[in-house]
Protein backbone atom coordinates (compact mmCIF):
# COMPACT_ATOMS: atom_id res chain seq x y z
CA MET A 1 -92.37 48.36 -25.11
CA LEU A 2 -89.80 49.15 -27.77
CA GLN A 3 -88.09 51.72 -25.54
CA ARG A 4 -87.83 49.20 -22.73
CA GLU A 5 -86.15 46.65 -25.01
CA LYS A 6 -83.62 49.27 -26.16
CA THR A 7 -82.82 50.17 -22.57
CA LYS A 8 -82.46 46.50 -21.69
CA LYS A 9 -80.14 45.99 -24.66
CA ARG A 10 -78.00 49.00 -23.64
CA VAL A 11 -77.70 47.77 -20.06
CA MET A 12 -76.76 44.31 -21.26
CA THR A 13 -74.19 45.72 -23.69
CA TYR A 14 -72.75 47.85 -20.88
CA TRP A 15 -72.32 44.88 -18.55
CA ILE A 16 -70.81 42.75 -21.33
CA ALA A 17 -68.28 45.52 -21.96
CA VAL A 18 -67.51 45.79 -18.24
CA ALA A 19 -67.00 42.01 -18.03
CA ALA A 20 -64.73 42.04 -21.08
CA VAL A 21 -62.60 44.86 -19.68
CA CYS A 22 -62.35 43.12 -16.29
CA ALA A 23 -61.36 39.85 -17.95
CA LEU A 24 -58.77 41.69 -20.01
CA LEU A 25 -57.32 43.42 -16.96
CA VAL A 26 -57.19 40.22 -14.94
CA SER A 27 -55.53 38.25 -17.72
CA ILE A 28 -52.99 40.89 -18.77
CA GLN A 29 -51.74 42.03 -15.35
CA PRO A 30 -50.07 38.74 -14.30
CA ALA A 31 -48.33 38.50 -17.66
CA PHE A 32 -46.40 41.70 -16.90
CA ALA A 33 -45.65 40.80 -13.29
CA ALA A 34 -41.91 40.29 -12.87
CA GLU A 35 -42.12 38.66 -9.46
CA THR A 36 -44.35 36.18 -7.73
CA ILE A 37 -46.30 36.82 -4.57
CA TRP A 38 -43.61 34.94 -2.60
CA ASP A 39 -40.86 37.17 -3.97
CA ARG A 40 -42.84 40.23 -2.96
CA PHE A 41 -43.58 38.76 0.48
CA SER A 42 -39.89 37.98 0.92
CA SER A 43 -38.85 41.54 0.08
CA ILE A 44 -41.50 42.98 2.43
CA MET A 45 -40.36 40.72 5.27
CA ARG A 46 -36.71 41.60 4.59
CA ASP A 47 -37.54 45.31 4.83
CA PHE A 48 -39.66 44.75 7.94
CA TYR A 49 -36.91 42.72 9.63
CA GLY A 50 -34.36 45.41 8.77
CA GLN A 51 -36.52 48.05 10.42
CA ILE A 52 -37.07 45.88 13.51
CA VAL A 53 -33.32 45.26 13.87
CA ALA A 54 -32.58 48.97 13.51
CA ILE A 55 -35.18 49.98 16.10
CA SER A 56 -34.15 47.20 18.50
CA THR A 57 -30.51 48.25 18.26
CA ILE A 58 -31.35 51.84 19.14
CA VAL A 59 -33.56 50.75 22.05
CA ALA A 60 -30.98 48.22 23.29
CA VAL A 61 -28.19 50.79 23.27
CA THR A 62 -30.35 53.34 25.08
CA VAL A 63 -31.56 50.94 27.78
CA ALA A 64 -28.09 49.44 28.19
CA ALA A 65 -26.66 52.93 28.68
CA VAL A 66 -29.22 53.64 31.39
CA ALA A 67 -28.48 50.29 33.07
CA LEU A 68 -24.74 50.99 32.95
CA ILE A 69 -25.24 54.43 34.48
CA VAL A 70 -27.38 52.93 37.26
CA ARG A 71 -24.76 50.24 37.82
CA LEU A 72 -21.90 52.71 38.01
CA VAL A 73 -23.58 55.47 40.01
CA SER A 74 -25.83 53.60 42.42
CA ARG A 75 -24.76 52.85 45.97
CA ASN A 76 -27.57 50.39 46.51
CA GLN A 77 -26.34 46.83 45.90
CA ARG A 78 -29.80 45.64 44.91
CA ALA A 79 -30.00 48.31 42.17
CA VAL A 80 -26.55 47.29 40.92
CA ASP A 81 -27.60 43.64 40.76
CA GLU A 82 -30.82 44.54 38.93
CA ALA A 83 -28.90 46.68 36.42
CA THR A 84 -26.46 43.83 35.82
CA SER A 85 -29.26 41.35 35.19
CA TRP A 86 -30.93 43.83 32.84
CA LEU A 87 -27.68 44.23 30.92
CA LYS A 88 -27.43 40.46 30.50
CA ARG A 89 -31.02 40.23 29.29
CA ILE A 90 -30.57 43.11 26.84
CA ILE A 91 -27.40 41.63 25.34
CA ILE A 92 -28.85 38.11 25.01
CA THR A 93 -32.09 39.39 23.46
CA TRP A 94 -30.23 41.65 21.02
CA ILE A 95 -27.94 38.78 19.94
CA ILE A 96 -30.90 36.44 19.41
CA LEU A 97 -32.87 39.04 17.44
CA ASN A 98 -29.93 39.83 15.19
CA SER A 99 -29.10 36.15 14.71
CA LEU A 100 -32.54 35.38 13.29
CA GLY A 101 -31.58 37.04 10.01
CA PHE A 102 -28.46 34.90 9.68
CA ILE A 103 -30.39 31.74 10.53
CA VAL A 104 -33.07 32.46 7.93
CA ALA A 105 -30.43 33.34 5.32
CA TYR A 106 -28.70 30.02 6.00
CA ILE A 107 -31.85 27.85 6.08
CA GLN A 108 -33.63 29.45 3.11
CA PRO A 109 -31.37 27.90 0.42
CA LEU A 110 -31.81 24.49 2.03
CA ILE A 111 -35.59 24.55 1.70
CA ALA A 112 -35.85 26.69 -1.45
CA GLY A 113 -38.77 25.78 -3.66
CA GLY A 114 -40.28 23.47 -1.08
CA ASN A 115 -37.76 20.75 -1.93
CA TYR A 116 -36.10 20.07 1.38
CA THR A 117 -33.16 17.74 0.75
CA GLY A 118 -31.77 17.50 4.27
């Protein structure tokens, strides 16, 4: 019986120590955090958007080059018309995608902190 009580006491002491260390880690970590979750999310989205814009630019230039070659080389009027419509779509889509960053940069100060004053 005495051995069982000692084992129970050790297990209880172990779990109290684990709880104390966890509480210490949880309470100390936010004190050293320099940025909030929203700042981190904003930087991640900025990086993600930068990568999307870079990839879309490369793809748009490549597809536009192919459409221009088809437009210039083809003797089929239907192919020329299709290439022209594809060029228009590519340019409009690329402009819209690249404008999103400017729109967000312009709107963000207006609604900063959840205090929309417009």
